[in-house]
Amino acid sequence: MKEWKISFFNKDGVQDSMTISADTCPSIEEAATLVRSKLYPVAAELDEVNLPDTVASPVAKTLKSQHSVEITAITEVA
């Protein structure tokens, strides 16, 4: 399993990161779900409803629009 570093700006605009183990690089949506579970554990239990005509990556967009948290990079840890 590889180690991946998810870099993001937190709600205070400060660069932050978390490291995860996964076989493949997580998508932005998967990374957003992991970041949300770290920062907002109660909200992480809620399902994002993705109905037709809704935006792609609902968790990533919700983090950015409602919590000012933005994923900036996903890199492999050497």
PDB file of N, CA and C in Angstrom:
ATOM      1  N   MET A   1       0.835  -1.184   0.000  1.00  0.00           N
ATOM      2  CA  MET A   1       0.000   0.000   0.000  1.00  0.00           C
ATOM      3  C   MET A   1       0.882   1.250   0.000  1.00  0.00           C
ATOM      4  N   LYS A   2       0.434   2.266  -0.705  1.00  0.00           N
ATOM      5  CA  LYS A   2       1.185   3.514  -0.805  1.00  0.00           C
ATOM      6  C   LYS A   2       0.635   4.539   0.181  1.00  0.00           C
ATOM      7  N   GLU A   3       1.460   5.503   0.490  1.00  0.00           N
ATOM      8  CA  GLU A   3       1.057   6.623   1.340  1.00  0.00           C
ATOM      9  C   GLU A   3       0.779   7.829   0.435  1.00  0.00           C
ATOM     10  N   TRP A   4      -0.332   8.514   0.698  1.00  0.00           N
ATOM     11  CA  TRP A   4      -0.731   9.687  -0.073  1.00  0.00           C
ATOM     12  C   TRP A   4      -0.933  10.858   0.862  1.00  0.00           C
ATOM     13  N   LYS A   5      -0.437  12.019   0.462  1.00  0.00           N
ATOM     14  CA  LYS A   5      -0.601  13.244   1.246  1.00  0.00           C
ATOM     15  C   LYS A   5      -1.665  14.100   0.574  1.00  0.00           C
ATOM     16  N   ILE A   6      -2.708  14.421   1.327  1.00  0.00           N
ATOM     17  CA  ILE A   6      -3.781  15.294   0.844  1.00  0.00           C
ATOM     18  C   ILE A   6      -3.532  16.676   1.447  1.00  0.00           C
ATOM     19  N   SER A   7      -3.243  17.644   0.611  1.00  0.00           N
ATOM     20  CA  SER A   7      -3.006  19.016   1.064  1.00  0.00           C
ATOM     21  C   SER A   7      -4.273  19.830   0.836  1.00  0.00           C
ATOM     22  N   PHE A   8      -4.577  20.698   1.795  1.00  0.00           N
ATOM     23  CA  PHE A   8      -5.784  21.511   1.683  1.00  0.00           C
ATOM     24  C   PHE A   8      -5.656  22.764   2.522  1.00  0.00           C
ATOM     25  N   PHE A   9      -6.463  23.766   2.183  1.00  0.00           N
ATOM     26  CA  PHE A   9      -6.594  24.957   3.013  1.00  0.00           C
ATOM     27  C   PHE A   9      -7.762  24.705   3.955  1.00  0.00           C
ATOM     28  N   ASN A  10      -7.535  24.901   5.259  1.00  0.00           N
ATOM     29  CA  ASN A  10      -8.623  24.696   6.220  1.00  0.00           C
ATOM     30  C   ASN A  10      -9.516  25.931   6.282  1.00  0.00           C
ATOM     31  N   LYS A  11     -10.509  25.900   7.152  1.00  0.00           N
ATOM     32  CA  LYS A  11     -11.500  26.977   7.222  1.00  0.00           C
ATOM     33  C   LYS A  11     -10.893  28.328   7.587  1.00  0.00           C
ATOM     34  N   ASP A  12      -9.685  28.318   8.174  1.00  0.00           N
ATOM     35  CA  ASP A  12      -9.013  29.559   8.540  1.00  0.00           C
ATOM     36  C   ASP A  12      -8.056  30.037   7.456  1.00  0.00           C
ATOM     37  N   GLY A  13      -8.026  29.325   6.320  1.00  0.00           N
ATOM     38  CA  GLY A  13      -7.140  29.697   5.227  1.00  0.00           C
ATOM     39  C   GLY A  13      -5.702  29.250   5.428  1.00  0.00           C
ATOM     40  N   VAL A  14      -5.479  28.348   6.371  1.00  0.00           N
ATOM     41  CA  VAL A  14      -4.142  27.856   6.677  1.00  0.00           C
ATOM     42  C   VAL A  14      -3.913  26.534   5.940  1.00  0.00           C
ATOM     43  N   GLN A  15      -2.737  26.402   5.316  1.00  0.00           N
ATOM     44  CA  GLN A  15      -2.393  25.163   4.614  1.00  0.00           C
ATOM     45  C   GLN A  15      -2.283  24.035   5.640  1.00  0.00           C
ATOM     46  N   ASP A  16      -2.939  22.920   5.377  1.00  0.00           N
ATOM     47  CA  ASP A  16      -2.950  21.760   6.266  1.00  0.00           C
ATOM     48  C   ASP A  16      -2.818  20.526   5.392  1.00  0.00           C
ATOM     49  N   SER A  17      -2.590  19.383   6.006  1.00  0.00           N
ATOM     50  CA  SER A  17      -2.496  18.151   5.228  1.00  0.00           C
ATOM     51  C   SER A  17      -2.819  16.956   6.108  1.00  0.00           C
ATOM     52  N   MET A  18      -3.093  15.852   5.454  1.00  0.00           N
ATOM     53  CA  MET A  18      -3.283  14.582   6.133  1.00  0.00           C
ATOM     54  C   MET A  18      -2.726  13.493   5.230  1.00  0.00           C
ATOM     55  N   THR A  19      -2.256  12.414   5.835  1.00  0.00           N
ATOM     56  CA  THR A  19      -1.682  11.310   5.080  1.00  0.00           C
ATOM     57  C   THR A  19      -2.587  10.101   5.220  1.00  0.00           C
ATOM     58  N   ILE A  20      -2.795   9.405   4.100  1.00  0.00           N
ATOM     59  CA  ILE A  20      -3.622   8.206   4.106  1.00  0.00           C
ATOM     60  C   ILE A  20      -2.868   7.078   3.409  1.00  0.00           C
ATOM     61  N   SER A  21      -3.296   5.857   3.644  1.00  0.00           N
ATOM     62  CA  SER A  21      -2.761   4.691   2.953  1.00  0.00           C
ATOM     63  C   SER A  21      -3.807   4.183   1.971  1.00  0.00           C
ATOM     64  N   ALA A  22      -3.389   3.988   0.733  1.00  0.00           N
ATOM     65  CA  ALA A  22      -4.294   3.470  -0.293  1.00  0.00           C
ATOM     66  C   ALA A  22      -3.460   2.894  -1.431  1.00  0.00           C
ATOM     67  N   ASP A  23      -4.035   1.945  -2.152  1.00  0.00           N
ATOM     68  CA  ASP A  23      -3.332   1.343  -3.282  1.00  0.00           C
ATOM     69  C   ASP A  23      -3.178   2.319  -4.442  1.00  0.00           C
ATOM     70  N   THR A  24      -4.201   3.140  -4.677  1.00  0.00           N
ATOM     71  CA  THR A  24      -4.175   4.098  -5.780  1.00  0.00           C
ATOM     72  C   THR A  24      -4.437   5.505  -5.252  1.00  0.00           C
ATOM     73  N   CYS A  25      -4.086   6.473  -6.052  1.00  0.00           N
ATOM     74  CA  CYS A  25      -4.297   7.873  -5.684  1.00  0.00           C
ATOM     75  C   CYS A  25      -5.795   8.152  -5.553  1.00  0.00           C
ATOM     76  N   PRO A  26      -6.221   8.723  -4.432  1.00  0.00           N
ATOM     77  CA  PRO A  26      -7.642   9.025  -4.281  1.00  0.00           C
ATOM     78  C   PRO A  26      -8.057  10.174  -5.198  1.00  0.00           C
ATOM     79  N   SER A  27      -9.305  10.136  -5.621  1.00  0.00           N
ATOM     80  CA  SER A  27      -9.846  11.235  -6.418  1.00  0.00           C
ATOM     81  C   SER A  27     -10.080  12.436  -5.506  1.00  0.00           C
ATOM     82  N   ILE A  28     -10.364  13.570  -6.097  1.00  0.00           N
ATOM     83  CA  ILE A  28     -10.680  14.771  -5.311  1.00  0.00           C
ATOM     84  C   ILE A  28     -11.882  14.492  -4.407  1.00  0.00           C
ATOM     85  N   GLU A  29     -12.880  13.806  -4.935  1.00  0.00           N
ATOM     86  CA  GLU A  29     -14.089  13.502  -4.152  1.00  0.00           C
ATOM     87  C   GLU A  29     -13.767  12.573  -2.981  1.00  0.00           C
ATOM     88  N   GLU A  30     -12.949  11.563  -3.218  1.00  0.00           N
ATOM     89  CA  GLU A  30     -12.555  10.656  -2.131  1.00  0.00           C
ATOM     90  C   GLU A  30     -11.728  11.409  -1.088  1.00  0.00           C
ATOM     91  N   ALA A  31     -10.821  12.262  -1.558  1.00  0.00           N
ATOM     92  CA  ALA A  31     -10.009  13.059  -0.639  1.00  0.00           C
ATOM     93  C   ALA A  31     -10.886  14.013   0.168  1.00  0.00           C
ATOM     94  N   ALA A  32     -11.853  14.633  -0.482  1.00  0.00           N
ATOM     95  CA  ALA A  32     -12.759  15.548   0.216  1.00  0.00           C
ATOM     96  C   ALA A  32     -13.555  14.811   1.292  1.00  0.00           C
ATOM     97  N   THR A  33     -13.976  13.601   0.989  1.00  0.00           N
ATOM     98  CA  THR A  33     -14.714  12.803   1.985  1.00  0.00           C
ATOM     99  C   THR A  33     -13.831  12.499   3.187  1.00  0.00           C
ATOM    100  N   LEU A  34     -12.564  12.170   2.957  1.00  0.00           N
ATOM    101  CA  LEU A  34     -11.633  11.892   4.053  1.00  0.00           C
ATOM    102  C   LEU A  34     -11.340  13.144   4.878  1.00  0.00           C
ATOM    103  N   VAL A  35     -11.135  14.267   4.201  1.00  0.00           N
ATOM    104  CA  VAL A  35     -10.873  15.532   4.902  1.00  0.00           C
ATOM    105  C   VAL A  35     -12.094  15.928   5.721  1.00  0.00           C
ATOM    106  N   ARG A  36     -13.285  15.780   5.127  1.00  0.00           N
ATOM    107  CA  ARG A  36     -14.516  16.116   5.855  1.00  0.00           C
ATOM    108  C   ARG A  36     -14.659  15.265   7.110  1.00  0.00           C
ATOM    109  N   SER A  37     -14.323  13.967   7.012  1.00  0.00           N
ATOM    110  CA  SER A  37     -14.450  13.100   8.192  1.00  0.00           C
ATOM    111  C   SER A  37     -13.465  13.497   9.286  1.00  0.00           C
ATOM    112  N   LYS A  38     -12.323  14.074   8.894  1.00  0.00           N
ATOM    113  CA  LYS A  38     -11.341  14.543   9.884  1.00  0.00           C
ATOM    114  C   LYS A  38     -11.798  15.846  10.536  1.00  0.00           C
ATOM    115  N   LEU A  39     -12.241  16.791   9.707  1.00  0.00           N
ATOM    116  CA  LEU A  39     -12.590  18.117  10.221  1.00  0.00           C
ATOM    117  C   LEU A  39     -14.002  18.214  10.789  1.00  0.00           C
ATOM    118  N   TYR A  40     -14.923  17.495  10.185  1.00  0.00           N
ATOM    119  CA  TYR A  40     -16.336  17.580  10.568  1.00  0.00           C
ATOM    120  C   TYR A  40     -16.917  16.173  10.701  1.00  0.00           C
ATOM    121  N   PRO A  41     -16.582  15.442  11.760  1.00  0.00           N
ATOM    122  CA  PRO A  41     -17.014  14.045  11.877  1.00  0.00           C
ATOM    123  C   PRO A  41     -18.531  13.845  11.867  1.00  0.00           C
ATOM    124  N   VAL A  42     -19.283  14.775  12.411  1.00  0.00           N
ATOM    125  CA  VAL A  42     -20.742  14.628  12.417  1.00  0.00           C
ATOM    126  C   VAL A  42     -21.290  14.799  11.000  1.00  0.00           C
ATOM    127  N   ALA A  43     -20.797  15.793  10.279  1.00  0.00           N
ATOM    128  CA  ALA A  43     -21.251  16.016   8.903  1.00  0.00           C
ATOM    129  C   ALA A  43     -20.852  14.857   7.998  1.00  0.00           C
ATOM    130  N   ALA A  44     -19.777  14.185   8.325  1.00  0.00           N
ATOM    131  CA  ALA A  44     -19.311  13.066   7.502  1.00  0.00           C
ATOM    132  C   ALA A  44     -20.306  11.913   7.513  1.00  0.00           C
ATOM    133  N   GLU A  45     -21.129  11.842   8.535  1.00  0.00           N
ATOM    134  CA  GLU A  45     -22.121  10.780   8.622  1.00  0.00           C
ATOM    135  C   GLU A  45     -23.337  11.043   7.734  1.00  0.00           C
ATOM    136  N   LEU A  46     -23.475  12.272   7.266  1.00  0.00           N
ATOM    137  CA  LEU A  46     -24.597  12.621   6.404  1.00  0.00           C
ATOM    138  C   LEU A  46     -24.287  12.218   4.973  1.00  0.00           C
ATOM    139  N   ASP A  47     -25.279  11.756   4.262  1.00  0.00           N
ATOM    140  CA  ASP A  47     -25.105  11.401   2.858  1.00  0.00           C
ATOM    141  C   ASP A  47     -25.269  12.644   2.000  1.00  0.00           C
ATOM    142  N   GLU A  48     -24.418  12.758   0.988  1.00  0.00           N
ATOM    143  CA  GLU A  48     -24.580  13.806  -0.013  1.00  0.00           C
ATOM    144  C   GLU A  48     -25.483  13.227  -1.090  1.00  0.00           C
ATOM    145  N   VAL A  49     -26.619  13.822  -1.281  1.00  0.00           N
ATOM    146  CA  VAL A  49     -27.547  13.346  -2.297  1.00  0.00           C
ATOM    147  C   VAL A  49     -27.085  13.886  -3.640  1.00  0.00           C
ATOM    148  N   ASN A  50     -26.874  13.003  -4.590  1.00  0.00           N
ATOM    149  CA  ASN A  50     -26.428  13.416  -5.916  1.00  0.00           C
ATOM    150  C   ASN A  50     -27.523  13.074  -6.920  1.00  0.00           C
ATOM    151  N   LEU A  51     -28.489  13.946  -7.032  1.00  0.00           N
ATOM    152  CA  LEU A  51     -29.604  13.772  -7.952  1.00  0.00           C
ATOM    153  C   LEU A  51     -29.195  14.205  -9.354  1.00  0.00           C
ATOM    154  N   PRO A  52     -29.966  13.802 -10.360  1.00  0.00           N
ATOM    155  CA  PRO A  52     -29.661  14.276 -11.719  1.00  0.00           C
ATOM    156  C   PRO A  52     -29.602  15.803 -11.749  1.00  0.00           C
ATOM    157  N   ASP A  53     -28.737  16.326 -12.574  1.00  0.00           N
ATOM    158  CA  ASP A  53     -28.548  17.772 -12.744  1.00  0.00           C
ATOM    159  C   ASP A  53     -27.884  18.450 -11.559  1.00  0.00           C
ATOM    160  N   THR A  54     -27.287  17.670 -10.661  1.00  0.00           N
ATOM    161  CA  THR A  54     -26.521  18.286  -9.581  1.00  0.00           C
ATOM    162  C   THR A  54     -25.058  18.315  -9.994  1.00  0.00           C
ATOM    163  N   VAL A  55     -24.261  19.009  -9.232  1.00  0.00           N
ATOM    164  CA  VAL A  55     -22.853  19.176  -9.579  1.00  0.00           C
ATOM    165  C   VAL A  55     -22.058  17.892  -9.336  1.00  0.00           C
ATOM    166  N   ALA A  56     -20.984  17.759 -10.086  1.00  0.00           N
ATOM    167  CA  ALA A  56     -20.058  16.656  -9.840  1.00  0.00           C
ATOM    168  C   ALA A  56     -19.274  16.985  -8.577  1.00  0.00           C
ATOM    169  N   SER A  57     -18.805  15.973  -7.897  1.00  0.00           N
ATOM    170  CA  SER A  57     -18.023  16.139  -6.670  1.00  0.00           C
ATOM    171  C   SER A  57     -18.770  16.947  -5.613  1.00  0.00           C
ATOM    172  N   PRO A  58     -19.928  16.473  -5.167  1.00  0.00           N
ATOM    173  CA  PRO A  58     -20.714  17.252  -4.213  1.00  0.00           C
ATOM    174  C   PRO A  58     -20.008  17.487  -2.880  1.00  0.00           C
ATOM    175  N   VAL A  59     -19.227  16.532  -2.392  1.00  0.00           N
ATOM    176  CA  VAL A  59     -18.548  16.715  -1.105  1.00  0.00           C
ATOM    177  C   VAL A  59     -17.477  17.792  -1.237  1.00  0.00           C
ATOM    178  N   ALA A  60     -16.689  17.746  -2.296  1.00  0.00           N
ATOM    179  CA  ALA A  60     -15.642  18.750  -2.508  1.00  0.00           C
ATOM    180  C   ALA A  60     -16.249  20.142  -2.647  1.00  0.00           C
ATOM    181  N   LYS A  61     -17.327  20.261  -3.390  1.00  0.00           N
ATOM    182  CA  LYS A  61     -17.973  21.562  -3.593  1.00  0.00           C
ATOM    183  C   LYS A  61     -18.606  22.070  -2.297  1.00  0.00           C
ATOM    184  N   THR A  62     -19.204  21.169  -1.516  1.00  0.00           N
ATOM    185  CA  THR A  62     -19.804  21.558  -0.238  1.00  0.00           C
ATOM    186  C   THR A  62     -18.730  22.028   0.738  1.00  0.00           C
ATOM    187  N   LEU A  63     -17.612  21.314   0.806  1.00  0.00           N
ATOM    188  CA  LEU A  63     -16.523  21.741   1.691  1.00  0.00           C
ATOM    189  C   LEU A  63     -16.063  23.151   1.342  1.00  0.00           C
ATOM    190  N   LYS A  64     -15.932  23.418   0.045  1.00  0.00           N
ATOM    191  CA  LYS A  64     -15.449  24.731  -0.379  1.00  0.00           C
ATOM    192  C   LYS A  64     -16.490  25.827  -0.152  1.00  0.00           C
ATOM    193  N   SER A  65     -17.733  25.582  -0.542  1.00  0.00           N
ATOM    194  CA  SER A  65     -18.745  26.637  -0.457  1.00  0.00           C
ATOM    195  C   SER A  65     -19.259  26.879   0.957  1.00  0.00           C
ATOM    196  N   GLN A  66     -19.383  25.837   1.758  1.00  0.00           N
ATOM    197  CA  GLN A  66     -19.965  26.004   3.092  1.00  0.00           C
ATOM    198  C   GLN A  66     -18.933  26.107   4.215  1.00  0.00           C
ATOM    199  N   HIS A  67     -17.739  25.543   3.985  1.00  0.00           N
ATOM    200  CA  HIS A  67     -16.744  25.512   5.063  1.00  0.00           C
ATOM    201  C   HIS A  67     -15.419  26.163   4.690  1.00  0.00           C
ATOM    202  N   SER A  68     -15.303  26.672   3.467  1.00  0.00           N
ATOM    203  CA  SER A  68     -14.080  27.310   2.971  1.00  0.00           C
ATOM    204  C   SER A  68     -12.866  26.391   3.053  1.00  0.00           C
ATOM    205  N   VAL A  69     -13.084  25.099   2.855  1.00  0.00           N
ATOM    206  CA  VAL A  69     -12.000  24.116   2.845  1.00  0.00           C
ATOM    207  C   VAL A  69     -11.805  23.677   1.401  1.00  0.00           C
ATOM    208  N   GLU A  70     -10.564  23.796   0.910  1.00  0.00           N
ATOM    209  CA  GLU A  70     -10.292  23.469  -0.487  1.00  0.00           C
ATOM    210  C   GLU A  70      -9.093  22.534  -0.604  1.00  0.00           C
ATOM    211  N   ILE A  71      -9.282  21.413  -1.293  1.00  0.00           N
ATOM    212  CA  ILE A  71      -8.204  20.470  -1.559  1.00  0.00           C
ATOM    213  C   ILE A  71      -7.278  21.121  -2.585  1.00  0.00           C
ATOM    214  N   THR A  72      -5.980  21.165  -2.310  1.00  0.00           N
ATOM    215  CA  THR A  72      -5.046  21.793  -3.238  1.00  0.00           C
ATOM    216  C   THR A  72      -4.164  20.792  -3.966  1.00  0.00           C
ATOM    217  N   ALA A  73      -3.897  19.641  -3.353  1.00  0.00           N
ATOM    218  CA  ALA A  73      -3.027  18.648  -4.006  1.00  0.00           C
ATOM    219  C   ALA A  73      -3.172  17.290  -3.348  1.00  0.00           C
ATOM    220  N   ILE A  74      -2.912  16.267  -4.157  1.00  0.00           N
ATOM    221  CA  ILE A  74      -2.831  14.897  -3.658  1.00  0.00           C
ATOM    222  C   ILE A  74      -1.546  14.324  -4.244  1.00  0.00           C
ATOM    223  N   THR A  75      -0.569  14.049  -3.378  1.00  0.00           N
ATOM    224  CA  THR A  75       0.722  13.589  -3.850  1.00  0.00           C
ATOM    225  C   THR A  75       1.131  12.312  -3.125  1.00  0.00           C
ATOM    226  N   GLU A  76       1.945  11.515  -3.820  1.00  0.00           N
ATOM    227  CA  GLU A  76       2.453  10.288  -3.221  1.00  0.00           C
ATOM    228  C   GLU A  76       3.617  10.637  -2.301  1.00  0.00           C
ATOM    229  N   VAL A  77       3.619  10.040  -1.116  1.00  0.00           N
ATOM    230  CA  VAL A  77       4.694  10.258  -0.159  1.00  0.00           C
ATOM    231  C   VAL A  77       5.818   9.292  -0.517  1.00  0.00           C
ATOM    232  N   ALA A  78       7.005   9.819  -0.702  1.00  0.00           N
ATOM    233  CA  ALA A  78       8.143   8.971  -1.112  1.00  0.00           C
ATOM    234  C   ALA A  78       8.729   8.212   0.065  1.00  0.00           C
TER     235      ALA A  78
END
